[in-house]
Structure formats: structure tokens, C-alpha cells
């Protein structure tokens, strides 16, 4: 499996307006053949998690989700745990 950096994603903290608390987690979904509507629903559910500011699928990789979050409110492990609770098998590949 390629790393997030190999896929062209930046995986370092991305400060916003000098706060230094905004980060991006790159998550890989292990499921095969997930319907488009279920993926859309999953993105919406992730976006509702505390501390998550934005969640979107990578355009070139349907099974990669990029999640922008405030590290003072949540963590990558909490985000992955939330995906697990939704019934997805997810792996953090970058943060």
C-alpha cells in the first residue's frame, strides 16, 4: 500500500491563522465495493464528529478520506474509532 506522501498528499500539521491546532488525517478504508451513497453518508457522519472541520474523499483514490480536524478537540485515533463504530475498517496512513 502506498503512503499518503507517495499519493501526493501532505500529511503534516496545517496551521490556520497562526493557531497551529489544525491538522489533516489521511485515512484508508479497507472495504471493497462500498456503494457511493454509503460513502457519502460516511463522510457526513465523520464531519459531525467533534473537532472535525472537513472530511472528503480523495479525488483520485476512492478509498482515501482526508479529514481536517482541530487537534485540541479530537485525534486521529478517535476519528478512526468513529469510523469503526460506523462499521468501516479504516487505517490511518498519514497525519
Protein backbone atom coordinates (compact mmCIF):
# COMPACT_ATOMS: atom_id res chain seq x y z
CA UNK A 1 0.00 0.00 0.00
CA UNK A 2 1.29 3.48 -0.89
CA UNK A 3 1.85 6.00 1.84
CA UNK A 4 -0.06 9.27 1.83
CA UNK A 5 3.12 11.10 0.79
CA UNK A 6 3.55 8.74 -2.18
CA UNK A 7 -0.01 9.53 -3.26
CA UNK A 8 0.83 13.23 -3.25
CA UNK A 9 -0.94 14.28 -0.05
CA UNK A 10 0.70 16.50 2.50
CA UNK A 11 0.46 14.87 5.89
CA UNK A 12 1.88 17.49 8.23
CA UNK A 13 0.08 19.86 10.54
CA UNK A 14 -1.54 22.70 8.65
CA UNK A 15 -1.82 25.74 10.93
CA UNK A 16 -4.74 28.06 10.39
CA UNK A 17 -4.38 31.75 11.24
CA UNK A 18 -1.36 31.07 13.40
CA UNK A 19 -3.06 28.69 15.86
CA UNK A 20 -1.15 25.55 14.91
CA UNK A 21 -4.02 23.32 16.03
CA UNK A 22 -5.47 22.37 12.65
CA UNK A 23 -4.22 19.07 11.22
CA UNK A 24 -5.11 16.71 8.39
CA UNK A 25 -5.50 12.97 8.87
CA UNK A 26 -5.38 10.70 5.82
CA UNK A 27 -7.41 7.53 6.31
CA UNK A 28 -7.60 4.47 4.05
CA UNK A 29 -10.82 2.42 4.00
CA UNK A 30 -10.23 -1.32 3.67
CA UNK A 31 -13.75 -2.18 2.46
CA UNK A 32 -14.20 -3.33 -1.13
CA UNK A 33 -17.16 -2.37 -3.28
CA UNK A 34 -18.78 0.16 -0.94
CA UNK A 35 -21.74 1.86 -2.61
CA UNK A 36 -21.39 5.55 -3.43
CA UNK A 37 -24.36 6.57 -1.26
CA UNK A 38 -22.89 4.72 1.74
CA UNK A 39 -19.56 6.52 1.27
CA UNK A 40 -21.36 9.86 1.11
CA UNK A 41 -23.22 9.02 4.31
CA UNK A 42 -19.93 8.02 5.97
CA UNK A 43 -18.34 11.36 5.02
CA UNK A 44 -21.30 13.21 6.54
CA UNK A 45 -21.05 11.17 9.74
CA UNK A 46 -17.32 11.84 10.07
CA UNK A 47 -17.89 15.53 9.52
CA UNK A 48 -20.29 15.56 12.50
CA UNK A 49 -17.63 14.19 14.87
CA UNK A 50 -16.42 16.69 17.48
CA UNK A 51 -13.39 18.60 16.27
CA UNK A 52 -13.72 17.60 12.62
CA UNK A 53 -13.85 20.61 10.34
CA UNK A 54 -13.90 18.91 6.96
CA UNK A 55 -13.98 15.40 5.56
CA UNK A 56 -13.69 14.49 1.90
CA UNK A 57 -12.70 11.61 -0.31
CA UNK A 58 -9.56 11.99 -2.34
CA UNK A 59 -10.50 12.59 -5.96
CA UNK A 60 -8.01 10.11 -7.38
CA UNK A 61 -8.41 7.46 -4.66
CA UNK A 62 -12.00 6.49 -3.79
CA UNK A 63 -10.94 4.66 -0.61
CA UNK A 64 -8.86 7.51 0.81
CA UNK A 65 -10.51 10.06 3.09
CA UNK A 66 -8.84 13.31 4.09
CA UNK A 67 -10.08 14.70 7.39
CA UNK A 68 -9.25 18.18 8.61
CA UNK A 69 -9.54 18.42 12.38
CA UNK A 70 -8.65 20.50 15.42
CA UNK A 71 -6.14 18.51 17.44
CA UNK A 72 -7.26 20.21 20.66
CA UNK A 73 -10.72 18.64 20.23
CA UNK A 74 -10.02 15.21 18.71
CA UNK A 75 -7.24 12.93 17.50
CA UNK A 76 -6.62 10.65 14.52
CA UNK A 77 -7.23 7.59 16.70
CA UNK A 78 -10.62 8.99 17.80
CA UNK A 79 -11.53 9.65 14.17
CA UNK A 80 -10.59 6.08 13.15
CA UNK A 81 -12.50 4.73 16.17
CA UNK A 82 -15.54 6.71 14.97
CA UNK A 83 -15.24 5.11 11.53
CA UNK A 84 -15.00 1.69 13.16
CA UNK A 85 -18.20 2.44 15.10
CA UNK A 86 -19.88 3.26 11.78
CA UNK A 87 -18.94 -0.20 10.52
CA UNK A 88 -15.86 0.67 8.44
CA UNK A 89 -12.41 -0.81 8.72
CA UNK A 90 -10.12 2.20 8.48
CA UNK A 91 -6.36 2.63 8.76
CA UNK A 92 -4.59 5.89 9.44
CA UNK A 93 -1.93 6.33 6.74
CA UNK A 94 -0.84 9.88 7.50
CA UNK A 95 -1.28 12.74 9.88
